[in-house]
Every structure is written in C-alpha cells, then in structure tokens.
C-alpha cells in the first residue's frame, strides 16, 4: 500500500515477481504499437499514392498529421496524467489509439484517413507521455535503469518490425492491414493495463494548481503554424505562416514567463548546453526522416520493387542502429559526448552525400549499404546526444528534460517529413516542372530523382548545423570522460 507521503508525491510501492513483469508487458505494449505504427506507414505510402492519385507533398500529411498532433499535445498529457491519474489516462490513450487505428483501416478516402490519423495521434501522445513514468514507478530504484533500458529495446523492436511487417501485409492484404494489426496488440494492452497496472496516486499538490491552458494552446498553435509554413514554402503564404510562427512563439514565451505554473518551464532553456543539444537533436530527427520517408518512393519509382521487398530493404538501417547504439553509449562513457556524436555526424554526411549522388537505377546492395551507414550514424549519435541533454540539467530536472526530449523527437520527425516534401517541391518549381507533378507522367521517375538529390544535398547542410550545435554538457569540459557522468 502507498503511504500518505507517497500519495502526495504521486509515488507507488514498486511491484515484484509476476505482477511486475505482467505490468511491464502491458505498459510497453502501447510503446511497441506506437513505434510499429510510426515506421510501418512509410512502406505503404507509394501504394497509397497510386490509390489516392495524390502528389507526394499532399500524401505526406498521413505521416505529418499524426506526428504533429503528438508533438502539440504531448506536454499537456503528462500534466493531465499527474492530475487525473496516470493509469486512467494511459488506458484511455490505448483505447483512443485502437479506435483511431480502426478508423484508419476503414478509411474510404484520403481526408478520412488523415482525420483518423489525427485522432490516433491523440492516443499516441497519451501513451508516450506516460509509459516511462509508469515503468519508473513500478520498478524499484535499484532496477529502474535496467527497466528504462528495456523500454529502449521495445522501441527498437517496434521500429525494426515495422518496415518488413508493413511490406508483407501491404503486399498480401492491402495498406489497410497495417492498421488492423494494432487491434490485437491494443486489446491486450488495454486489458493488461486495466488488470495489472496499479492505481497510481494523483498529485494533489499539482491538482490544486491552475492548469496553463493558454500556454498549451499557444504551443499547439506554434507547432501547427510551423508545420504548415514549412509545407508551403513554395507558395507566398508559406513565409507568412513562418512569420506567424515566430510571433506565436514570442507570445508563448511571454505567457510561460509570467504564469505561476507554466506548461513548459523555460528555465532549462537558459542553460546553453541544454538548448544547443536539444536543437542538435531536432536536426538529427530531421536527418532520420529524410530517408525514412523518401527511400520507399525511390525503391518503388526508380527500382520498381514490389512493396514486400521495399519493407525488407529498410531492415539494414534499424538493425545497424540497434547494434551500434550500445557502442555509442560505451564511447560516451569513455570519451565524453563529443567524440562519438561528431563521428556519427560525419557518417551522416557521408551517407547523405551517397544519397545525393544515387543514379536512377542504383543496385539494391548500394541502397542497403547507405541505409546501414545511416543506422551506424544514428547509433553513434543518439546516445551521446541524450546524455549531453540530461547531463546539462540538475538531477531534479531529469524527468522534465526527458519529457521535453520526447516532444523534441516528434517535432523533429514532423519537420523532417515536411521539409523532405517541401524541398522536393522547391527543386521542381525552380526546375520549371511545377510543385506537384503527376506521378503518372512518364518523366516522373527522372523528376523525382532530381528532387531526391536536392533533399540530400540539403541534408548535408542540416548535418553541419547538428555538428555546430553539439556541445559538451559541461561548459569547461573538452569532451573528457566526465561528460557522461
């Protein structure tokens, strides 16, 4: 039973034995499901393009709308869970995600599918905002680090399983099947969470504080304006939306600076290493999404691969990342964050150069090598970047920094997809092709390759920005081992 002090602080007595692992399995099912869904959709996009007869810069909203909603509401869901009960909000998130998946599978049109993805994103945000906190609460402090590391394995497994699973299902049963697979996983997560997760005490102190609704609204408005602006830079009003983003961000900062209990405390961003490495993390996720979004189209339009083989062909990146991530962590412990992080960014630059020089009919093994190189780069960079961010703040702010990193991850993903399609459009406009050439045009493969090259030349620039914004978490350190401690 939880003590009185536990009820005030939101802690619960750690579980043990069978109850502990059943609770862990139920809680992490949601994480597995959300990460499968984030990678499985990309494989089916070329099939959806032909079915809906849409340009790639319109089709991208299937991915972007989902990520954008998660980004915009994720900070809200963490606080609501503390106020309303973490278990109840988490279970509601799984139920919403299942319902959204059902709507996606039954979508009769593109507009319906995007709307269903938005609804699904709300559930995804409720899951992502709570799973790490739930696992931290049900495990004892002595086992907590191992448990949180196991969540990383679940995330990797979901990401790894997504592309080949999506390819096989889409080839055999159509793109709708990639959403049907969420139903059995979700039902287990729903029942298991209801049956095995304890009722975490509500944070009574937080419940007495006024919720920062205006800050939450301005954060959602800012992220939405940014995404719509980036998606329309080939039109005049795209720049108006970007300017409006700057204005809304200014208002958001003013609001958060003056409310007593802000949604996102800005004091962490006064710490230079924290802010810079958070920015580097956004650039990293942009770099990750460029190939994740565009390679399936290259494999379909340039190499004419069947969708089942497209899914399998994305496997090398995830596998290399899983194998190299521990190496990145070990190097961080021994050499500090700068050595492995910058080595990873140099690898990113080489891979992006290789992508920018791809011929129209490259051998498949060349694509596999480049994707494996992308996985190596990600494995070397991701752990040092996370360490640099967390080691830039005081221990009491670790939880807050972790939640901001989840927001950063989804924002970077959404920006990456939006920028990939927008750079394609800009290259086409400047080449006199037009922003949205028909994929049925016989010249489309050559046009796509032209825009594809432009995206990865731009990616080299984003790699340079990530390199410049990756700094030691300690201002007076020069990448020594104590960076990671």
Protein backbone atom coordinates (compact mmCIF):
# COMPACT_ATOMS: atom_id res chain seq x y z
CA UNK A 1 0.00 0.00 0.00
CA UNK A 2 1.14 3.55 -0.69
CA UNK A 3 1.89 5.74 2.28
CA UNK A 4 0.43 9.21 2.85
CA UNK A 5 3.63 10.83 1.64
CA UNK A 6 3.51 8.63 -1.45
CA UNK A 7 0.03 9.86 -2.23
CA UNK A 8 1.19 13.45 -2.07
CA UNK A 9 4.18 12.84 -4.32
CA UNK A 10 2.50 10.50 -6.80
CA UNK A 11 4.72 7.52 -5.89
CA UNK A 12 3.53 3.94 -5.58
CA UNK A 13 5.09 0.94 -3.90
CA UNK A 14 7.19 -0.91 -6.53
CA UNK A 15 5.84 -4.26 -7.73
CA UNK A 16 7.68 -7.58 -7.78
CA UNK A 17 7.57 -11.02 -9.33
CA UNK A 18 4.88 -11.98 -11.83
CA UNK A 19 2.83 -8.83 -11.22
CA UNK A 20 5.82 -6.64 -12.07
CA UNK A 21 6.51 -8.27 -15.43
CA UNK A 22 2.86 -8.52 -16.46
CA UNK A 23 2.51 -4.81 -15.68
CA UNK A 24 5.67 -4.07 -17.67
CA UNK A 25 4.39 -6.12 -20.63
CA UNK A 26 1.03 -4.33 -20.57
CA UNK A 27 2.59 -0.86 -20.32
CA UNK A 28 5.17 -1.40 -23.04
CA UNK A 29 2.65 -2.88 -25.49
CA UNK A 30 1.50 0.69 -26.12
CA UNK A 31 5.07 1.80 -26.82
CA UNK A 32 5.64 -1.13 -29.18
CA UNK A 33 2.40 -0.38 -31.00
CA UNK A 34 3.11 3.34 -31.42
CA UNK A 35 6.63 2.69 -32.76
CA UNK A 36 5.48 -0.02 -35.17
CA UNK A 37 2.89 2.43 -36.43
CA UNK A 38 5.45 5.20 -36.91
CA UNK A 39 7.60 3.04 -39.21
CA UNK A 40 5.06 0.74 -40.84
CA UNK A 41 3.17 3.50 -42.65
CA UNK A 42 6.15 4.73 -44.71
CA UNK A 43 6.36 1.43 -46.60
CA UNK A 44 2.73 1.68 -47.71
CA UNK A 45 2.92 5.30 -48.87
CA UNK A 46 3.80 4.53 -52.52
CA UNK A 47 0.78 2.19 -52.68
CA UNK A 48 -1.45 4.87 -51.15
CA UNK A 49 -0.11 7.41 -53.66
CA UNK A 50 -1.32 5.32 -56.57
CA UNK A 51 -4.67 4.53 -54.94
CA UNK A 52 -5.49 8.12 -53.97
CA UNK A 53 -3.74 9.68 -57.02
CA UNK A 54 -2.10 12.38 -54.91
CA UNK A 55 1.19 14.25 -55.11
CA UNK A 56 3.82 13.41 -52.53
CA UNK A 57 3.54 16.81 -50.81
CA UNK A 58 -0.16 16.13 -50.10
CA UNK A 59 0.36 12.48 -49.22
CA UNK A 60 2.89 13.42 -46.52
CA UNK A 61 0.06 14.56 -44.25
CA UNK A 62 -0.71 10.92 -43.49
CA UNK A 63 2.57 10.90 -41.54
CA UNK A 64 2.86 14.57 -40.60
CA UNK A 65 -0.65 14.99 -39.13
CA UNK A 66 -0.03 12.08 -36.76
CA UNK A 67 3.36 13.39 -35.60
CA UNK A 68 2.14 16.96 -35.36
CA UNK A 69 -0.72 16.07 -33.03
CA UNK A 70 1.58 14.01 -30.80
CA UNK A 71 4.01 16.94 -30.62
CA UNK A 72 1.34 19.51 -29.86
CA UNK A 73 -0.49 17.65 -27.09
CA UNK A 74 2.30 15.58 -25.51
CA UNK A 75 3.22 18.21 -22.86
CA UNK A 76 -0.46 18.50 -21.90
CA UNK A 77 -0.95 14.76 -21.47
CA UNK A 78 1.90 14.44 -18.99
CA UNK A 79 0.36 17.03 -16.69
CA UNK A 80 -3.17 15.69 -17.10
CA UNK A 81 -1.93 12.25 -16.08
CA UNK A 82 -0.48 13.68 -12.85
CA UNK A 83 -3.76 15.47 -12.13
CA UNK A 84 -6.33 12.87 -13.23
CA UNK A 85 -4.49 9.63 -12.57
CA UNK A 86 -1.68 8.18 -14.67
CA UNK A 87 -3.24 4.73 -15.10
CA UNK A 88 -6.60 6.09 -16.24
CA UNK A 89 -5.08 8.49 -18.78
CA UNK A 90 -2.79 5.75 -20.11
CA UNK A 91 -5.67 3.29 -20.56
CA UNK A 92 -7.77 5.99 -22.24
CA UNK A 93 -4.84 6.63 -24.60
CA UNK A 94 -4.70 2.96 -25.64
CA UNK A 95 -8.48 2.96 -26.23
CA UNK A 96 -8.24 6.09 -28.39
CA UNK A 97 -5.29 4.66 -30.33
CA UNK A 98 -7.20 1.44 -31.05
CA UNK A 99 -10.26 3.38 -32.17
CA UNK A 100 -8.11 5.61 -34.38
CA UNK A 101 -6.48 2.53 -35.92
CA UNK A 102 -9.92 1.10 -36.69
CA UNK A 103 -10.96 4.37 -38.36
CA UNK A 104 -7.71 4.34 -40.39
CA UNK A 105 -8.31 0.77 -41.58
CA UNK A 106 -11.87 1.63 -42.65
CA UNK A 107 -10.98 4.95 -44.30
CA UNK A 108 -12.81 5.36 -47.64
CA UNK A 109 -10.87 8.50 -48.64
CA UNK A 110 -7.66 10.41 -48.06
CA UNK A 111 -9.38 13.08 -45.94
CA UNK A 112 -10.94 10.42 -43.72
CA UNK A 113 -7.54 8.73 -43.30
CA UNK A 114 -5.79 11.96 -42.26
CA UNK A 115 -8.59 12.73 -39.79
CA UNK A 116 -8.29 9.23 -38.34
CA UNK A 117 -4.52 9.68 -38.02
CA UNK A 118 -5.10 12.90 -36.07
CA UNK A 119 -7.40 11.03 -33.68
CA UNK A 120 -4.86 8.20 -33.45
CA UNK A 121 -2.15 10.77 -32.63
CA UNK A 122 -4.05 11.94 -29.54
CA UNK A 123 -3.97 8.38 -28.22
CA UNK A 124 -0.31 8.05 -29.15
CA UNK A 125 0.52 11.19 -27.15
CA UNK A 126 -1.34 9.86 -24.10
CA UNK A 127 0.64 6.62 -24.31
CA UNK A 128 4.04 8.23 -24.90
CA UNK A 129 3.58 10.78 -22.12
CA UNK A 130 3.06 8.06 -19.51
CA UNK A 131 4.86 4.84 -20.31
CA UNK A 132 8.31 5.79 -18.99
CA UNK A 133 6.84 7.27 -15.80
CA UNK A 134 4.74 4.14 -15.24
CA UNK A 135 7.73 1.84 -15.66
CA UNK A 136 9.82 4.03 -13.36
CA UNK A 137 7.09 3.83 -10.70
CA UNK A 138 6.50 0.06 -10.77
CA UNK A 139 10.21 -0.83 -10.56
CA UNK A 140 12.40 -0.31 -7.52
CA UNK A 141 15.10 2.39 -7.78
CA UNK A 142 17.76 -0.34 -7.98
CA UNK A 143 16.14 -1.85 -11.11
CA UNK A 144 14.87 1.34 -12.71
CA UNK A 145 17.82 1.93 -15.03
CA UNK A 146 17.59 -1.61 -16.42
CA UNK A 147 13.84 -1.23 -16.90
CA UNK A 148 14.16 2.06 -18.78
CA UNK A 149 16.84 0.47 -20.95
CA UNK A 150 14.41 -2.34 -21.75
CA UNK A 151 11.94 0.27 -22.99
CA UNK A 152 14.63 1.28 -25.47
CA UNK A 153 14.74 -2.34 -26.64
CA UNK A 154 10.96 -2.36 -27.08
CA UNK A 155 11.17 0.88 -29.09
CA UNK A 156 13.91 -0.62 -31.26
CA UNK A 157 11.93 -3.84 -31.74
CA UNK A 158 8.85 -1.89 -32.85
CA UNK A 159 10.88 0.25 -35.23
CA UNK A 160 12.68 -2.82 -36.59
CA UNK A 161 9.49 -4.85 -37.07
CA UNK A 162 7.55 -2.06 -38.77
CA UNK A 163 9.02 -1.93 -42.32
CA UNK A 164 9.17 -5.68 -43.12
CA UNK A 165 5.80 -6.25 -41.45
CA UNK A 166 4.29 -3.35 -43.34
CA UNK A 167 5.70 -4.59 -46.65
CA UNK A 168 4.41 -8.13 -46.22
CA UNK A 169 0.96 -7.07 -45.01
CA UNK A 170 0.51 -4.41 -47.69
CA UNK A 171 1.55 -6.82 -50.43
CA UNK A 172 -0.77 -9.57 -49.18
CA UNK A 173 -3.81 -7.68 -47.86
CA UNK A 174 -3.54 -4.02 -48.89
CA UNK A 175 -2.46 -0.95 -46.92
CA UNK A 176 -5.49 -1.14 -44.61
CA UNK A 177 -3.97 -4.22 -42.97
CA UNK A 178 -1.13 -2.18 -41.41
CA UNK A 179 -3.71 -0.53 -39.16
CA UNK A 180 -5.64 -3.74 -38.40
CA UNK A 181 -2.56 -5.19 -36.67
CA UNK A 182 -2.89 -2.54 -33.94
CA UNK A 183 -6.22 -4.01 -32.82
CA UNK A 184 -4.99 -7.28 -31.20
CA UNK A 185 -1.93 -5.60 -29.68
CA UNK A 186 -4.08 -2.75 -28.41
CA UNK A 187 -6.73 -5.01 -26.90
CA UNK A 188 -4.07 -6.88 -24.93
CA UNK A 189 -2.54 -3.59 -23.78
CA UNK A 190 -5.99 -2.31 -22.78
CA UNK A 191 -6.95 -5.41 -20.82
CA UNK A 192 -3.47 -5.95 -19.36
CA UNK A 193 -3.18 -2.33 -18.18
CA UNK A 194 -6.64 -2.46 -16.58
CA UNK A 195 -5.88 -5.81 -14.95
CA UNK A 196 -2.28 -5.42 -13.80
CA UNK A 197 -1.29 -1.74 -13.50
CA UNK A 198 -1.73 -0.30 -10.01
CA UNK A 199 -3.77 2.83 -9.43
CA UNK A 200 -1.10 5.50 -9.10
CA UNK A 201 -1.96 8.24 -6.61
CA UNK A 202 -2.90 11.59 -8.10
CA UNK A 203 -0.62 14.53 -7.44
CA UNK A 204 -2.81 16.51 -5.05
CA UNK A 205 -0.42 19.46 -4.98
CA UNK A 206 -0.49 19.73 -8.76
CA UNK A 207 -4.30 19.34 -8.80
CA UNK A 208 -4.58 22.49 -6.69
CA UNK A 209 -2.55 24.50 -9.19
CA UNK A 210 -4.17 26.30 -12.10
CA UNK A 211 -3.56 24.49 -15.39
CA UNK A 212 -1.74 26.54 -18.04
CA UNK A 213 -4.40 26.25 -20.76
CA UNK A 214 -3.23 29.39 -22.59
CA UNK A 215 0.34 28.07 -22.75
CA UNK A 216 -0.92 24.71 -24.02
CA UNK A 217 -2.98 26.42 -26.72
CA UNK A 218 -0.11 28.64 -27.88
CA UNK A 219 2.27 25.67 -28.01
CA UNK A 220 -0.16 23.75 -30.23
CA UNK A 221 -0.70 26.83 -32.41
CA UNK A 222 3.05 27.43 -32.75
CA UNK A 223 3.90 23.87 -33.78
CA UNK A 224 0.97 23.77 -36.22
CA UNK A 225 1.87 27.11 -37.84
CA UNK A 226 5.47 25.96 -38.20
CA UNK A 227 4.45 22.72 -39.91
CA UNK A 228 2.00 24.37 -42.30
CA UNK A 229 4.54 27.08 -43.06
CA UNK A 230 7.32 24.62 -43.87
CA UNK A 231 4.93 22.61 -46.05
CA UNK A 232 4.14 25.66 -48.20
CA UNK A 233 7.46 27.43 -48.72
CA UNK A 234 6.95 27.13 -52.48
CA UNK A 235 3.95 29.46 -52.07
CA UNK A 236 3.96 33.05 -50.82
CA UNK A 237 1.75 32.33 -47.82
CA UNK A 238 4.22 29.76 -46.51
CA UNK A 239 6.51 32.61 -45.49
CA UNK A 240 3.56 34.40 -43.86
CA UNK A 241 2.91 31.27 -41.79
CA UNK A 242 6.56 31.04 -40.77
CA UNK A 243 6.45 34.69 -39.67
CA UNK A 244 3.24 33.92 -37.75
CA UNK A 245 5.11 31.04 -36.10
CA UNK A 246 7.73 33.46 -34.80
CA UNK A 247 5.00 35.74 -33.43
CA UNK A 248 3.16 32.87 -31.73
CA UNK A 249 6.40 31.56 -30.22
CA UNK A 250 7.06 35.04 -28.81
CA UNK A 251 3.60 35.02 -27.22
CA UNK A 252 4.19 31.51 -25.88
CA UNK A 253 7.45 32.56 -24.24
CA UNK A 254 5.77 35.64 -22.72
CA UNK A 255 2.96 33.51 -21.32
CA UNK A 256 5.27 30.86 -19.89
CA UNK A 257 7.48 33.55 -18.34
CA UNK A 258 4.62 35.11 -16.42
CA UNK A 259 2.36 32.26 -15.28
CA UNK A 260 2.99 30.74 -11.87
CA UNK A 261 2.93 27.14 -13.07
CA UNK A 262 3.92 27.04 -16.75
CA UNK A 263 3.23 24.06 -19.01
CA UNK A 264 6.90 24.07 -20.12
CA UNK A 265 9.28 25.72 -17.62
CA UNK A 266 11.63 27.85 -19.70
CA UNK A 267 14.44 27.97 -17.15
CA UNK A 268 16.06 24.88 -18.67
CA UNK A 269 16.48 26.70 -21.98
CA UNK A 270 18.62 29.31 -20.21
CA UNK A 271 21.23 26.53 -19.93
CA UNK A 272 23.23 26.87 -23.15
CA UNK A 273 24.39 23.21 -23.48
CA UNK A 274 20.81 22.03 -22.93
CA UNK A 275 19.34 24.34 -25.59
CA UNK A 276 22.04 23.67 -28.17
CA UNK A 277 21.94 19.89 -27.81
CA UNK A 278 18.13 19.92 -27.94
CA UNK A 279 18.47 21.80 -31.22
CA UNK A 280 21.04 19.27 -32.44
CA UNK A 281 18.55 16.54 -31.58
CA UNK A 282 15.90 18.17 -33.78
CA UNK A 283 18.38 18.29 -36.68
CA UNK A 284 19.15 14.61 -36.02
CA UNK A 285 15.50 13.60 -36.32
CA UNK A 286 15.15 15.66 -39.49
CA UNK A 287 18.08 13.69 -40.94
CA UNK A 288 16.49 10.40 -39.86
CA UNK A 289 13.17 11.18 -41.52
CA UNK A 290 14.55 12.18 -44.93
CA UNK A 291 15.44 8.60 -45.97
CA UNK A 292 12.66 7.01 -43.89
CA UNK A 293 10.08 8.95 -45.90
CA UNK A 294 11.71 9.12 -49.35
CA UNK A 295 13.53 5.79 -49.79
CA UNK A 296 10.27 3.79 -50.18
CA UNK A 297 9.34 6.08 -53.10
CA UNK A 298 12.82 5.67 -54.63
CA UNK A 299 12.58 1.90 -54.38
CA UNK A 300 9.14 1.92 -55.97
CA UNK A 301 9.56 4.63 -58.64
CA UNK A 302 13.22 4.14 -59.60
CA UNK A 303 13.90 0.46 -58.91
CA UNK A 304 10.29 -0.77 -59.35
CA UNK A 305 10.48 -3.08 -56.35
CA UNK A 306 7.33 -4.79 -55.06
CA UNK A 307 6.06 -3.41 -51.77
CA UNK A 308 7.03 -6.58 -49.86
CA UNK A 309 10.67 -6.20 -50.86
CA UNK A 310 10.57 -2.47 -50.06
CA UNK A 311 9.77 -3.29 -46.44
CA UNK A 312 12.60 -5.81 -46.16
CA UNK A 313 15.03 -3.37 -47.82
CA UNK A 314 14.58 -0.88 -44.95
CA UNK A 315 15.73 -3.51 -42.45
CA UNK A 316 19.51 -2.73 -42.56
CA UNK A 317 19.09 0.75 -41.06
CA UNK A 318 17.21 -0.39 -37.95
CA UNK A 319 19.48 -3.41 -37.46
CA UNK A 320 22.65 -1.31 -37.69
CA UNK A 321 21.22 1.22 -35.24
CA UNK A 322 20.40 -1.50 -32.70
CA UNK A 323 23.91 -2.95 -32.97
CA UNK A 324 25.75 0.39 -32.80
CA UNK A 325 23.69 2.17 -30.13
CA UNK A 326 25.49 0.33 -27.28
CA UNK A 327 28.81 1.31 -28.90
CA UNK A 328 27.73 4.95 -28.90
CA UNK A 329 26.84 4.68 -25.22
CA UNK A 330 30.13 2.99 -24.32
CA UNK A 331 32.17 5.60 -26.20
CA UNK A 332 30.24 8.32 -24.40
CA UNK A 333 31.20 6.82 -21.03
CA UNK A 334 34.85 6.57 -22.05
CA UNK A 335 35.46 9.61 -24.24
CA UNK A 336 32.61 12.04 -23.50
CA UNK A 337 29.78 13.08 -25.78
CA UNK A 338 31.70 14.96 -28.47
CA UNK A 339 33.81 12.13 -29.94
CA UNK A 340 31.01 9.61 -30.73
CA UNK A 341 28.41 12.29 -31.55
CA UNK A 342 30.63 14.06 -34.08
CA UNK A 343 31.80 10.73 -35.51
CA UNK A 344 28.15 9.86 -36.07
CA UNK A 345 27.52 13.19 -37.77
CA UNK A 346 30.49 12.69 -40.08
CA UNK A 347 28.97 9.32 -41.03
CA UNK A 348 25.65 11.10 -41.66
CA UNK A 349 27.45 13.49 -44.03
CA UNK A 350 28.98 10.59 -45.99
CA UNK A 351 25.65 8.77 -46.23
CA UNK A 352 23.84 11.94 -47.34
CA UNK A 353 26.50 12.51 -49.98
CA UNK A 354 25.96 8.96 -51.22
CA UNK A 355 22.20 9.55 -51.37
CA UNK A 356 22.70 12.84 -53.22
CA UNK A 357 24.75 11.02 -55.89
CA UNK A 358 22.48 7.99 -56.35
CA UNK A 359 21.88 7.13 -60.00
CA UNK A 360 18.41 6.40 -61.30
CA UNK A 361 18.88 2.63 -61.23
CA UNK A 362 21.31 2.01 -58.39
CA UNK A 363 21.92 -1.63 -57.40
CA UNK A 364 19.89 -2.63 -54.36
CA UNK A 365 23.01 -3.54 -52.39
CA UNK A 366 24.12 0.10 -52.69
CA UNK A 367 20.89 1.22 -51.03
CA UNK A 368 21.37 -1.35 -48.28
CA UNK A 369 24.91 -0.10 -47.59
CA UNK A 370 23.74 3.51 -47.39
CA UNK A 371 20.85 2.60 -45.07
CA UNK A 372 23.20 0.55 -42.88
CA UNK A 373 25.52 3.57 -42.77
CA UNK A 374 22.57 5.71 -41.67
CA UNK A 375 21.92 3.23 -38.85
CA UNK A 376 25.58 3.35 -37.80
CA UNK A 377 25.48 7.15 -37.77
CA UNK A 378 22.29 7.15 -35.69
CA UNK A 379 23.69 4.60 -33.26
CA UNK A 380 26.81 6.69 -32.70
CA UNK A 381 24.93 9.99 -32.29
CA UNK A 382 21.71 9.23 -30.39
CA UNK A 383 23.14 8.08 -27.04
CA UNK A 384 25.68 10.93 -26.73
CA UNK A 385 23.01 13.47 -27.65
CA UNK A 386 20.63 12.15 -24.98
CA UNK A 387 23.45 12.07 -22.44
CA UNK A 388 24.50 15.63 -23.28
CA UNK A 389 20.94 16.89 -22.79
CA UNK A 390 20.33 15.06 -19.49
CA UNK A 391 23.77 15.92 -18.10
CA UNK A 392 23.19 19.61 -18.85
CA UNK A 393 20.48 19.87 -16.18
CA UNK A 394 20.34 19.27 -12.46
CA UNK A 395 19.22 15.86 -11.24
CA UNK A 396 15.86 17.20 -10.08
CA UNK A 397 15.09 18.29 -13.66
CA UNK A 398 15.86 14.93 -15.30
CA UNK A 399 12.18 14.00 -15.63
CA UNK A 400 11.30 17.34 -17.18
CA UNK A 401 14.23 17.11 -19.59
CA UNK A 402 13.15 13.59 -20.60
CA UNK A 403 9.62 14.74 -21.40
CA UNK A 404 10.99 17.65 -23.45
CA UNK A 405 13.15 15.18 -25.38
CA UNK A 406 10.02 13.20 -26.32
CA UNK A 407 8.48 16.42 -27.65
CA UNK A 408 11.72 17.23 -29.48
CA UNK A 409 11.77 13.78 -31.09
CA UNK A 410 8.27 14.04 -32.54
CA UNK A 411 8.72 17.67 -33.59
CA UNK A 412 11.93 16.75 -35.44
CA UNK A 413 10.19 13.86 -37.17
CA UNK A 414 7.29 16.04 -38.28
CA UNK A 415 9.62 18.78 -39.52
CA UNK A 416 11.72 16.18 -41.34
CA UNK A 417 8.77 14.82 -43.34
CA UNK A 418 7.51 18.34 -44.10
CA UNK A 419 10.92 19.56 -45.23
CA UNK A 420 11.55 16.48 -47.37
CA UNK A 421 8.40 17.09 -49.40
CA UNK A 422 8.91 20.84 -49.50
CA UNK A 423 12.49 20.63 -50.77
CA UNK A 424 11.21 18.28 -53.48
CA UNK A 425 8.59 20.89 -54.42
CA UNK A 426 11.11 23.75 -54.40
CA UNK A 427 13.53 21.83 -56.64
CA UNK A 428 10.70 21.06 -59.05
CA UNK A 429 9.49 24.69 -59.06
CA UNK A 430 12.98 26.07 -59.73
CA UNK A 431 13.44 23.47 -62.48
CA UNK A 432 10.24 24.59 -64.22
CA UNK A 433 8.42 21.30 -63.54
CA UNK A 434 5.82 22.65 -61.11
CA UNK A 435 5.29 21.97 -57.42
CA UNK A 436 3.13 18.86 -57.85
CA UNK A 437 3.96 16.86 -61.00
CA UNK A 438 1.76 13.84 -61.64
CA UNK A 439 3.32 10.54 -60.64
CA UNK A 440 1.62 9.02 -63.71
CA UNK A 441 3.73 11.15 -66.07
CA UNK A 442 6.37 9.00 -67.83
CA UNK A 443 9.03 11.59 -66.89
CA UNK A 444 8.15 11.42 -63.18
CA UNK A 445 10.97 8.99 -62.19
CA UNK A 446 13.58 11.42 -63.53
CA UNK A 447 11.83 14.34 -61.87
CA UNK A 448 11.60 12.51 -58.57
CA UNK A 449 15.31 11.67 -58.67
CA UNK A 450 16.13 15.35 -59.27
CA UNK A 451 14.18 16.38 -56.19
CA UNK A 452 15.53 13.42 -54.20
CA UNK A 453 19.09 14.60 -54.87
CA UNK A 454 18.14 18.11 -53.74
CA UNK A 455 16.79 16.82 -50.43
CA UNK A 456 20.02 15.04 -49.58
CA UNK A 457 22.25 17.93 -50.62
CA UNK A 458 20.19 19.94 -48.13
CA UNK A 459 20.67 17.12 -45.59
CA UNK A 460 24.42 17.75 -45.65
CA UNK A 461 23.66 21.30 -44.53
CA UNK A 462 21.49 20.02 -41.66
CA UNK A 463 24.32 17.70 -40.68
CA UNK A 464 26.65 20.70 -40.44
CA UNK A 465 24.11 22.51 -38.23
CA UNK A 466 23.87 19.47 -35.95
CA UNK A 467 27.68 19.37 -35.76
CA UNK A 468 27.83 23.05 -34.71
CA UNK A 469 25.09 22.70 -32.08
CA UNK A 470 26.51 19.53 -30.47
CA UNK A 471 28.44 20.73 -27.44
CA UNK A 472 29.77 19.34 -24.19
CA UNK A 473 27.21 19.34 -21.34
CA UNK A 474 29.84 20.98 -19.17
CA UNK A 475 30.95 24.43 -20.38
CA UNK A 476 34.56 23.96 -19.27
CA UNK A 477 34.89 20.37 -20.49
CA UNK A 478 36.51 19.45 -23.78
CA UNK A 479 34.92 16.05 -24.29
CA UNK A 480 36.54 14.30 -21.35
CA UNK A 481 35.05 11.18 -19.74
CA UNK A 482 33.32 13.18 -17.03
CA UNK A 483 30.94 14.48 -19.67
CA UNK A 484 28.95 11.33 -19.29
CA UNK A 485 28.88 11.28 -15.51
